[in-house]
C-alpha atoms as a PDB file:
ATOM      1  CA  MET A   1    -183.190  38.878-245.112  1.00  0.00           C
ATOM      2  CA  GLN A   2    -184.470  41.942-242.100  1.00  0.00           C
ATOM      3  CA  VAL A   3    -181.998  44.910-241.721  1.00  0.00           C
ATOM      4  CA  ASP A   4    -182.261  47.721-239.439  1.00  0.00           C
ATOM      5  CA  ALA A   5    -181.980  50.531-241.257  1.00  0.00           C
ATOM      6  CA  PHE A   6    -180.598  54.411-239.809  1.00  0.00           C
ATOM      7  CA  THR A   7    -179.138  52.839-236.888  1.00  0.00           C
ATOM      8  CA  ARG A   8    -176.006  50.898-235.374  1.00  0.00           C
ATOM      9  CA  ILE A   9    -178.058  49.489-232.804  1.00  0.00           C
ATOM     10  CA  PRO A  10    -179.345  45.623-233.075  1.00  0.00           C
ATOM     11  CA  LEU A  11    -183.809  46.128-232.643  1.00  0.00           C
ATOM     12  CA  GLY A  12    -182.971  50.039-233.549  1.00  0.00           C
ATOM     13  CA  GLY A  13    -184.274  52.241-236.589  1.00  0.00           C
ATOM     14  CA  ASN A  14    -186.364  51.183-238.729  1.00  0.00           C
ATOM     15  CA  PRO A  15    -186.563  47.346-239.861  1.00  0.00           C
ATOM     16  CA  CYS A  16    -186.936  46.198-243.525  1.00  0.00           C
ATOM     17  CA  ALA A  17    -187.315  42.292-245.219  1.00  0.00           C
ATOM     18  CA  ILE A  18    -185.529  42.152-248.647  1.00  0.00           C
ATOM     19  CA  VAL A  19    -185.877  39.706-251.034  1.00  0.00           C
ATOM     20  CA  PHE A  20    -182.751  39.034-253.437  1.00  0.00           C
ATOM     21  CA  ASP A  21    -183.385  37.503-257.015  1.00  0.00           C
ATOM     22  CA  ALA A  22    -186.996  38.578-257.069  1.00  0.00           C
ATOM     23  CA  ASP A  23    -187.743  38.540-260.581  1.00  0.00           C
ATOM     24  CA  GLU A  24    -189.989  35.275-261.127  1.00  0.00           C
ATOM     25  CA  LEU A  25    -192.111  36.795-258.408  1.00  0.00           C
ATOM     26  CA  SER A  26    -195.609  38.087-259.372  1.00  0.00           C
ATOM     27  CA  ASP A  27    -196.644  41.576-257.962  1.00  0.00           C
ATOM     28  CA  ASP A  28    -199.611  39.629-256.656  1.00  0.00           C
ATOM     29  CA  THR A  29    -196.683  37.619-255.023  1.00  0.00           C
ATOM     30  CA  MET A  30    -194.802  40.355-253.384  1.00  0.00           C
ATOM     31  CA  GLN A  31    -198.061  41.836-252.077  1.00  0.00           C
ATOM     32  CA  ALA A  32    -198.676  38.803-250.176  1.00  0.00           C
ATOM     33  CA  LEU A  33    -195.355  38.646-249.158  1.00  0.00           C
ATOM     34  CA  ALA A  34    -195.273  42.221-247.774  1.00  0.00           C
ATOM     35  CA  ARG A  35    -198.318  41.849-246.207  1.00  0.00           C
ATOM     36  CA  GLU A  36    -196.730  38.521-244.703  1.00  0.00           C
ATOM     37  CA  MET A  37    -194.082  40.598-243.263  1.00  0.00           C
ATOM     38  CA  ASN A  38    -196.173  43.302-241.944  1.00  0.00           C
ATOM     39  CA  LEU A  39    -193.121  45.972-241.768  1.00  0.00           C
ATOM     40  CA  SER A  40    -193.561  49.308-242.771  1.00  0.00           C
ATOM     41  CA  GLU A  41    -191.856  48.288-246.424  1.00  0.00           C
ATOM     42  CA  THR A  42    -191.084  45.016-247.678  1.00  0.00           C
ATOM     43  CA  ALA A  43    -187.714  45.284-250.673  1.00  0.00           C
ATOM     44  CA  PHE A  44    -187.778  42.965-253.918  1.00  0.00           C
ATOM     45  CA  VAL A  45    -184.621  42.908-255.718  1.00  0.00           C
ATOM     46  CA  LEU A  46    -184.200  42.751-259.268  1.00  0.00           C
ATOM     47  CA  ARG A  47    -181.583  42.862-262.124  1.00  0.00           C
ATOM     48  CA  SER A  48    -182.041  46.024-264.394  1.00  0.00           C
ATOM     49  CA  ASP A  49    -181.495  46.894-268.073  1.00  0.00           C
ATOM     50  CA  VAL A  50    -180.592  50.734-267.338  1.00  0.00           C
ATOM     51  CA  ALA A  51    -178.810  50.840-263.982  1.00  0.00           C
ATOM     52  CA  ASP A  52    -176.807  48.749-261.493  1.00  0.00           C
ATOM     53  CA  VAL A  53    -179.951  47.194-259.602  1.00  0.00           C
ATOM     54  CA  ARG A  54    -183.628  47.718-259.770  1.00  0.00           C
ATOM     55  CA  ALA A  55    -185.676  47.598-256.551  1.00  0.00           C
ATOM     56  CA  ARG A  56    -189.694  47.278-255.594  1.00  0.00           C
ATOM     57  CA  TYR A  57    -190.745  48.595-252.655  1.00  0.00           C
ATOM     58  CA  PHE A  58    -194.206  47.384-250.445  1.00  0.00           C
ATOM     59  CA  THR A  59    -196.142  48.017-248.048  1.00  0.00           C
ATOM     60  CA  PRO A  60    -198.535  45.828-246.352  1.00  0.00           C
ATOM     61  CA  SER A  61    -201.062  47.648-249.072  1.00  0.00           C
ATOM     62  CA  GLU A  62    -199.576  48.917-252.154  1.00  0.00           C
ATOM     63  CA  GLU A  63    -196.331  49.132-254.034  1.00  0.00           C
ATOM     64  CA  ILE A  64    -194.559  52.617-253.297  1.00  0.00           C
ATOM     65  CA  PRO A  65    -192.530  54.730-255.607  1.00  0.00           C
ATOM     66  CA  LEU A  66    -189.451  55.527-253.760  1.00  0.00           C
ATOM     67  CA  ALA A  67    -188.081  55.111-249.550  1.00  0.00           C
ATOM     68  CA  GLY A  68    -185.300  55.942-247.707  1.00  0.00           C
ATOM     69  CA  HIS A  69    -185.145  53.295-245.007  1.00  0.00           C
ATOM     70  CA  PRO A  70    -185.223  50.196-247.868  1.00  0.00           C
ATOM     71  CA  THR A  71    -183.070  51.935-249.872  1.00  0.00           C
ATOM     72  CA  ILE A  72    -180.268  51.995-247.368  1.00  0.00           C
ATOM     73  CA  ALA A  73    -181.330  48.867-246.044  1.00  0.00           C
ATOM     74  CA  THR A  74    -181.581  46.833-249.199  1.00  0.00           C
ATOM     75  CA  ILE A  75    -178.151  48.567-250.699  1.00  0.00           C
ATOM     76  CA  PHE A  76    -176.464  47.279-247.029  1.00  0.00           C
ATOM     77  CA  ALA A  77    -177.755  43.733-247.424  1.00  0.00           C
ATOM     78  CA  LEU A  78    -176.151  43.734-251.262  1.00  0.00           C
ATOM     79  CA  ALA A  79    -172.816  45.009-250.314  1.00  0.00           C
ATOM     80  CA  GLU A  80    -172.694  43.075-247.137  1.00  0.00           C
ATOM     81  CA  THR A  81    -173.607  40.000-248.825  1.00  0.00           C
ATOM     82  CA  GLU A  82    -171.289  40.917-252.020  1.00  0.00           C
ATOM     83  CA  ARG A  83    -173.735  40.869-254.458  1.00  0.00           C
ATOM     84  CA  ILE A  84    -171.845  44.467-254.811  1.00  0.00           C
ATOM     85  CA  PRO A  85    -168.326  44.261-254.425  1.00  0.00           C
ATOM     86  CA  PRO A  86    -166.224  47.297-252.694  1.00  0.00           C
ATOM     87  CA  ASP A  87    -164.765  49.955-254.798  1.00  0.00           C
ATOM     88  CA  GLY A  88    -162.344  51.228-252.521  1.00  0.00           C
ATOM     89  CA  GLU A  89    -163.938  53.477-249.408  1.00  0.00           C
ATOM     90  CA  ARG A  90    -166.964  54.846-251.244  1.00  0.00           C
ATOM     91  CA  THR A  91    -168.731  52.522-254.139  1.00  0.00           C
ATOM     92  CA  ARG A  92    -171.482  54.414-256.016  1.00  0.00           C
ATOM     93  CA  VAL A  93    -174.380  51.944-257.362  1.00  0.00           C
ATOM     94  CA  SER A  94    -177.254  53.128-260.102  1.00  0.00           C
ATOM     95  CA  LEU A  95    -180.757  52.177-258.436  1.00  0.00           C
ATOM     96  CA  GLU A  96    -183.354  51.725-260.417  1.00  0.00           C
ATOM     97  CA  LEU A  97    -186.417  52.722-258.686  1.00  0.00           C
ATOM     98  CA  ARG A  98    -190.363  53.171-260.175  1.00  0.00           C
ATOM     99  CA  ALA A  99    -189.481  56.888-258.681  1.00  0.00           C
ATOM    100  CA  GLY A 100    -186.656  56.995-261.523  1.00  0.00           C
ATOM    101  CA  ILE A 101    -182.729  56.325-261.029  1.00  0.00           C
ATOM    102  CA  VAL A 102    -181.187  57.325-258.120  1.00  0.00           C
ATOM    103  CA  THR A 103    -177.956  57.634-256.956  1.00  0.00           C
ATOM    104  CA  VAL A 104    -176.495  55.342-254.135  1.00  0.00           C
ATOM    105  CA  ASP A 105    -173.053  55.725-252.520  1.00  0.00           C
ATOM    106  CA  ILE A 106    -171.812  52.946-250.105  1.00  0.00           C
ATOM    107  CA  LEU A 107    -169.147  54.161-247.500  1.00  0.00           C
ATOM    108  CA  SER A 108    -166.930  51.286-246.335  1.00  0.00           C
ATOM    109  CA  HIS A 109    -163.911  50.688-244.098  1.00  0.00           C
ATOM    110  CA  ASP A 110    -161.484  47.717-244.646  1.00  0.00           C
ATOM    111  CA  GLY A 111    -164.212  46.079-247.224  1.00  0.00           C
ATOM    112  CA  VAL A 112    -166.837  45.926-244.642  1.00  0.00           C
ATOM    113  CA  PRO A 113    -170.016  48.659-245.365  1.00  0.00           C
ATOM    114  CA  ASP A 114    -170.269  51.046-242.722  1.00  0.00           C
ATOM    115  CA  SER A 115    -173.235  53.580-243.946  1.00  0.00           C
ATOM    116  CA  VAL A 116    -175.168  54.495-246.636  1.00  0.00           C
ATOM    117  CA  ILE A 117    -175.769  57.603-248.203  1.00  0.00           C
ATOM    118  CA  MET A 118    -179.157  57.725-251.587  1.00  0.00           C
ATOM    119  CA  THR A 119    -179.706  60.996-253.477  1.00  0.00           C
ATOM    120  CA  GLN A 120    -182.669  61.530-253.119  1.00  0.00           C
ATOM    121  CA  PRO A 121    -184.877  63.452-256.651  1.00  0.00           C
ATOM    122  CA  ARG A 122    -185.601  67.017-256.693  1.00  0.00           C
ATOM    123  CA  PRO A 123    -188.233  67.837-254.531  1.00  0.00           C
ATOM    124  CA  GLN A 124    -191.894  69.132-255.353  1.00  0.00           C
ATOM    125  CA  PHE A 125    -193.629  71.601-253.300  1.00  0.00           C
ATOM    126  CA  LEU A 126    -197.628  70.485-253.935  1.00  0.00           C
ATOM    127  CA  ASP A 127    -200.858  71.360-252.172  1.00  0.00           C
ATOM    128  CA  CYS A 128    -200.710  73.151-248.777  1.00  0.00           C
ATOM    129  CA  ALA A 129    -203.564  72.417-246.168  1.00  0.00           C
ATOM    130  CA  THR A 130    -204.876  74.765-243.488  1.00  0.00           C
ATOM    131  CA  PRO A 131    -203.343  74.558-240.031  1.00  0.00           C
ATOM    132  CA  GLU A 132    -206.612  74.313-238.844  1.00  0.00           C
ATOM    133  CA  GLU A 133    -206.915  70.868-241.054  1.00  0.00           C
ATOM    134  CA  ALA A 134    -203.594  69.472-239.544  1.00  0.00           C
ATOM    135  CA  ALA A 135    -204.157  70.685-236.380  1.00  0.00           C
ATOM    136  CA  THR A 136    -207.855  68.620-235.807  1.00  0.00           C
ATOM    137  CA  ALA A 137    -206.496  65.275-237.728  1.00  0.00           C
ATOM    138  CA  PHE A 138    -203.546  65.059-234.761  1.00  0.00           C
ATOM    139  CA  GLY A 139    -205.614  66.394-231.855  1.00  0.00           C
ATOM    140  CA  LEU A 140    -203.406  70.129-231.906  1.00  0.00           C
ATOM    141  CA  SER A 141    -204.162  73.563-231.559  1.00  0.00           C
ATOM    142  CA  SER A 142    -203.209  75.798-234.676  1.00  0.00           C
ATOM    143  CA  ALA A 143    -200.306  76.866-231.888  1.00  0.00           C
ATOM    144  CA  ASP A 144    -199.362  74.317-231.915  1.00  0.00           C
ATOM    145  CA  LEU A 145    -198.052  74.459-235.222  1.00  0.00           C
ATOM    146  CA  HIS A 146    -194.945  76.339-236.494  1.00  0.00           C
ATOM    147  CA  MET A 147    -196.341  79.127-238.704  1.00  0.00           C
ATOM    148  CA  ASP A 148    -193.096  80.263-240.459  1.00  0.00           C
ATOM    149  CA  GLY A 149    -194.035  77.215-242.854  1.00  0.00           C
ATOM    150  CA  PRO A 150    -197.034  75.863-244.486  1.00  0.00           C
ATOM    151  CA  VAL A 151    -198.533  72.559-244.028  1.00  0.00           C
ATOM    152  CA  GLN A 152    -197.457  71.328-247.264  1.00  0.00           C
ATOM    153  CA  VAL A 153    -197.217  68.249-249.471  1.00  0.00           C
ATOM    154  CA  VAL A 154    -193.341  67.554-250.388  1.00  0.00           C
ATOM    155  CA  SER A 155    -192.371  64.950-252.534  1.00  0.00           C
ATOM    156  CA  THR A 156    -188.715  63.337-252.933  1.00  0.00           C
ATOM    157  CA  GLY A 157    -190.309  60.223-254.617  1.00  0.00           C
ATOM    158  CA  THR A 158    -193.431  59.989-252.309  1.00  0.00           C
ATOM    159  CA  PRO A 159    -195.577  62.581-251.646  1.00  0.00           C
ATOM    160  CA  GLN A 160    -195.761  63.373-247.869  1.00  0.00           C
ATOM    161  CA  LEU A 161    -197.603  65.673-245.744  1.00  0.00           C
ATOM    162  CA  MET A 162    -194.976  68.087-243.793  1.00  0.00           C
ATOM    163  CA  VAL A 163    -196.346  69.061-240.622  1.00  0.00           C
ATOM    164  CA  PRO A 164    -193.936  71.839-238.581  1.00  0.00           C
ATOM    165  CA  LEU A 165    -194.449  71.804-234.319  1.00  0.00           C
ATOM    166  CA  VAL A 166    -193.282  74.339-232.292  1.00  0.00           C
ATOM    167  CA  HIS A 167    -192.352  71.915-229.267  1.00  0.00           C
ATOM    168  CA  LEU A 168    -191.573  68.804-228.581  1.00  0.00           C
ATOM    169  CA  ASP A 169    -194.340  68.313-226.243  1.00  0.00           C
ATOM    170  CA  ALA A 170    -196.659  68.633-228.928  1.00  0.00           C
ATOM    171  CA  LEU A 171    -195.125  66.190-230.731  1.00  0.00           C
ATOM    172  CA  HIS A 172    -195.033  63.720-227.748  1.00  0.00           C
ATOM    173  CA  ASP A 173    -198.563  64.239-226.813  1.00  0.00           C
ATOM    174  CA  LEU A 174    -200.667  64.656-230.258  1.00  0.00           C
ATOM    175  CA  SER A 175    -203.675  62.584-230.433  1.00  0.00           C
ATOM    176  CA  LEU A 176    -203.999  60.854-234.068  1.00  0.00           C
ATOM    177  CA  ASP A 177    -208.205  61.388-235.682  1.00  0.00           C
ATOM    178  CA  LEU A 178    -207.552  58.660-237.782  1.00  0.00           C
ATOM    179  CA  ASP A 179    -211.115  59.280-239.486  1.00  0.00           C
ATOM    180  CA  ALA A 180    -209.605  63.295-239.908  1.00  0.00           C
ATOM    181  CA  LEU A 181    -206.144  61.961-241.431  1.00  0.00           C
ATOM    182  CA  THR A 182    -207.323  59.722-244.068  1.00  0.00           C
ATOM    183  CA  VAL A 183    -210.065  62.187-245.642  1.00  0.00           C
ATOM    184  CA  LEU A 184    -206.789  65.029-245.220  1.00  0.00           C
ATOM    185  CA  ARG A 185    -204.577  62.221-247.450  1.00  0.00           C
ATOM    186  CA  ALA A 186    -207.391  61.702-250.075  1.00  0.00           C
ATOM    187  CA  ARG A 187    -207.828  65.854-250.098  1.00  0.00           C
ATOM    188  CA  TYR A 188    -204.542  66.466-250.815  1.00  0.00           C
ATOM    189  CA  GLN A 189    -202.919  63.188-252.489  1.00  0.00           C
ATOM    190  CA  PHE A 190    -200.741  62.355-249.523  1.00  0.00           C
ATOM    191  CA  PHE A 191    -199.051  58.791-249.125  1.00  0.00           C
ATOM    192  CA  SER A 192    -198.071  59.844-245.314  1.00  0.00           C
ATOM    193  CA  ALA A 193    -198.228  62.236-242.431  1.00  0.00           C
ATOM    194  CA  HIS A 194    -193.873  63.616-241.368  1.00  0.00           C
ATOM    195  CA  LEU A 195    -194.531  65.359-237.983  1.00  0.00           C
ATOM    196  CA  PHE A 196    -191.520  67.537-236.723  1.00  0.00           C
ATOM    197  CA  VAL A 197    -189.635  69.912-234.874  1.00  0.00           C
ATOM    198  CA  LEU A 198    -186.461  71.634-234.886  1.00  0.00           C
ATOM    199  CA  GLU A 199    -183.885  71.240-232.310  1.00  0.00           C
ATOM    200  CA  SER A 200    -179.952  72.658-232.216  1.00  0.00           C
ATOM    201  CA  GLU A 201    -178.495  69.687-233.276  1.00  0.00           C
ATOM    202  CA  GLY A 202    -181.168  68.913-236.082  1.00  0.00           C
ATOM    203  CA  THR A 203    -184.978  67.454-235.953  1.00  0.00           C
ATOM    204  CA  PHE A 204    -187.065  65.005-234.219  1.00  0.00           C
ATOM    205  CA  ALA A 205    -189.974  63.592-235.900  1.00  0.00           C
ATOM    206  CA  ARG A 206    -192.871  61.215-236.268  1.00  0.00           C
ATOM    207  CA  HIS A 207    -194.297  59.330-238.852  1.00  0.00           C
ATOM    208  CA  PHE A 208    -197.779  58.479-239.798  1.00  0.00           C
ATOM    209  CA  ALA A 209    -199.807  55.816-242.179  1.00  0.00           C
ATOM    210  CA  CYS A 210    -203.510  54.917-242.787  1.00  0.00           C
ATOM    211  CA  PRO A 211    -204.114  51.176-241.657  1.00  0.00           C
ATOM    212  CA  PRO A 212    -203.514  48.426-243.401  1.00  0.00           C
ATOM    213  CA  ASP A 213    -200.369  50.117-243.485  1.00  0.00           C
ATOM    214  CA  VAL A 214    -197.653  50.261-240.196  1.00  0.00           C
ATOM    215  CA  PHE A 215    -199.775  53.253-238.071  1.00  0.00           C
ATOM    216  CA  GLU A 216    -196.401  54.944-236.758  1.00  0.00           C
ATOM    217  CA  ASP A 217    -192.891  54.346-238.692  1.00  0.00           C
ATOM    218  CA  PRO A 218    -190.086  54.244-236.661  1.00  0.00           C
ATOM    219  CA  PHE A 219    -187.950  56.476-238.926  1.00  0.00           C
ATOM    220  CA  THR A 220    -188.747  57.365-242.556  1.00  0.00           C
ATOM    221  CA  GLY A 221    -186.212  58.172-244.806  1.00  0.00           C
ATOM    222  CA  SER A 222    -188.101  59.656-248.041  1.00  0.00           C
ATOM    223  CA  ALA A 223    -189.746  61.693-245.865  1.00  0.00           C
ATOM    224  CA  THR A 224    -186.401  62.927-243.848  1.00  0.00           C
ATOM    225  CA  GLY A 225    -185.668  63.969-247.471  1.00  0.00           C
ATOM    226  CA  GLY A 226    -188.993  65.728-247.601  1.00  0.00           C
ATOM    227  CA  MET A 227    -188.507  67.505-244.472  1.00  0.00           C
ATOM    228  CA  GLY A 228    -184.819  68.797-245.426  1.00  0.00           C
ATOM    229  CA  ALA A 229    -185.851  70.121-248.643  1.00  0.00           C
ATOM    230  CA  TYR A 230    -188.957  72.040-246.716  1.00  0.00           C
ATOM    231  CA  LEU A 231    -187.241  73.627-243.897  1.00  0.00           C
ATOM    232  CA  TRP A 232    -184.165  74.771-246.297  1.00  0.00           C
ATOM    233  CA  HIS A 233    -186.478  76.328-249.295  1.00  0.00           C
ATOM    234  CA  TYR A 234    -188.708  78.218-246.283  1.00  0.00           C
ATOM    235  CA  LYS A 235    -185.291  79.184-244.287  1.00  0.00           C
ATOM    236  CA  LEU A 236    -185.604  77.270-241.206  1.00  0.00           C
ATOM    237  CA  LEU A 237    -182.183  75.946-241.702  1.00  0.00           C
ATOM    238  CA  ASN A 238    -179.281  78.155-241.118  1.00  0.00           C
ATOM    239  CA  THR A 239    -176.963  75.510-242.996  1.00  0.00           C
ATOM    240  CA  PRO A 240    -178.027  73.040-245.281  1.00  0.00           C
ATOM    241  CA  SER A 241    -176.654  69.768-243.434  1.00  0.00           C
ATOM    242  CA  PHE A 242    -178.234  68.200-239.903  1.00  0.00           C
ATOM    243  CA  THR A 243    -178.783  65.425-238.178  1.00  0.00           C
ATOM    244  CA  ALA A 244    -182.066  64.076-238.466  1.00  0.00           C
ATOM    245  CA  ARG A 245    -183.553  61.808-235.307  1.00  0.00           C
ATOM    246  CA  GLN A 246    -187.033  59.295-235.085  1.00  0.00           C
ATOM    247  CA  GLY A 247    -188.494  56.616-233.654  1.00  0.00           C
ATOM    248  CA  HIS A 248    -186.668  56.956-229.609  1.00  0.00           C
ATOM    249  CA  TRP A 249    -190.468  57.500-228.159  1.00  0.00           C
ATOM    250  CA  MET A 250    -190.654  53.937-230.079  1.00  0.00           C
ATOM    251  CA  GLN A 251    -188.115  52.311-228.382  1.00  0.00           C
ATOM    252  CA  ARG A 252    -186.600  52.027-231.834  1.00  0.00           C
ATOM    253  CA  PRO A 253    -183.644  55.424-232.105  1.00  0.00           C
ATOM    254  CA  GLY A 254    -182.829  55.825-235.375  1.00  0.00           C
ATOM    255  CA  GLU A 255    -180.574  59.097-237.079  1.00  0.00           C
ATOM    256  CA  ALA A 256    -179.979  60.340-240.313  1.00  0.00           C
ATOM    257  CA  THR A 257    -177.447  62.925-241.768  1.00  0.00           C
ATOM    258  CA  VAL A 258    -179.270  65.454-244.135  1.00  0.00           C
ATOM    259  CA  THR A 259    -177.655  67.502-246.590  1.00  0.00           C
ATOM    260  CA  VAL A 260    -179.959  69.467-249.285  1.00  0.00           C
ATOM    261  CA  LEU A 261    -178.505  70.559-252.351  1.00  0.00           C
ATOM    262  CA  GLY A 262    -178.614  73.318-254.192  1.00  0.00           C
ATOM    263  CA  PRO A 263    -179.746  76.887-253.416  1.00  0.00           C
ATOM    264  CA  ARG A 264    -182.860  76.924-251.379  1.00  0.00           C
ATOM    265  CA  ASP A 265    -185.072  78.593-254.616  1.00  0.00           C
ATOM    266  CA  ASN A 266    -183.744  75.327-256.884  1.00  0.00           C
ATOM    267  CA  ILE A 267    -182.934  72.198-254.846  1.00  0.00           C
ATOM    268  CA  SER A 268    -181.518  69.888-257.328  1.00  0.00           C
ATOM    269  CA  GLY A 269    -181.997  66.665-254.269  1.00  0.00           C
ATOM    270  CA  VAL A 270    -181.330  65.776-251.281  1.00  0.00           C
ATOM    271  CA  GLN A 271    -178.371  62.957-249.298  1.00  0.00           C
ATOM    272  CA  VAL A 272    -180.375  60.754-246.994  1.00  0.00           C
ATOM    273  CA  GLY A 273    -177.702  58.653-245.188  1.00  0.00           C
ATOM    274  CA  GLY A 274    -177.596  56.266-242.454  1.00  0.00           C
ATOM    275  CA  SER A 275    -176.485  52.529-241.163  1.00  0.00           C
ATOM    276  CA  ALA A 276    -178.044  49.664-240.777  1.00  0.00           C
ATOM    277  CA  VAL A 277    -177.815  46.139-239.270  1.00  0.00           C
ATOM    278  CA  THR A 278    -178.489  42.911-240.229  1.00  0.00           C
ATOM    279  CA  ILE A 279    -180.811  41.152-238.004  1.00  0.00           C
ATOM    280  CA  VAL A 280    -182.003  37.982-239.976  1.00  0.00           C
ATOM    281  CA  ARG A 281    -180.444  35.714-242.834  1.00  0.00           C
ATOM    282  CA  GLY A 282    -182.755  33.065-244.550  1.00  0.00           C
ATOM    283  CA  GLU A 283    -184.234  31.306-247.084  1.00  0.00           C
ATOM    284  CA  LEU A 284    -187.989  32.363-248.747  1.00  0.00           C
ATOM    285  CA  VAL A 285    -189.781  28.949-249.069  1.00  0.00           C
ATOM    286  CA  LEU A 286    -193.079  29.211-251.184  1.00  0.00           C
END
């Protein structure tokens, strides 16, 4: 299947290919299929001995320990195909990922899945880059960066560089220096970079990875969780719940609800939720 996550509009949000019953596939085959799909991630569903279901997520270049939009897409697909039967209006599922077991809730209406909420693990606040390094990598000036928070790697399962900006014009007009980003990525050991602006109703973001992975991601659920933890921890949010938007400038508008769990100095997790739409159903022939 192919499912668009974090959207109710077909061909919006972020697409994810999902392969069911993938237990007999080798790692090399999974990686080759992810290259073939050439999406931000391809998800493979397997049996689990410790949770309700297991999934592995591959970008075109590597396996990653946790991702948001594949989780929303995969659990939605499992519910829609009744591989996970509904248990009233809210069905709780345990999902085994490489990063560990996460809790996922399926919200249904009249037995039809409507949205999916994943609870991402406790965030880790890791190394900080200098504002000058970030500005150079994205063709910005230091004045474009929001100086009330650092440029920092944050992980709720996958480490990503958080780059807060002060206005939408800088986010729209940035000019990525791929060589500089590659150097920054190696120096600070993050997977990808998340740039965002605070708005009155929430956040608007863009997300970048290094080739051969998809260069700009339409909507990034894992980084949205890390961003939520970052904003709450550094007192840039007045309340722990907000709406995150991404992908509109790519003609793939996406939206998520975000709730940070716990006090600012002891965040226990982040809930990131959204809707999904199935685009393709088919059979994998190898």
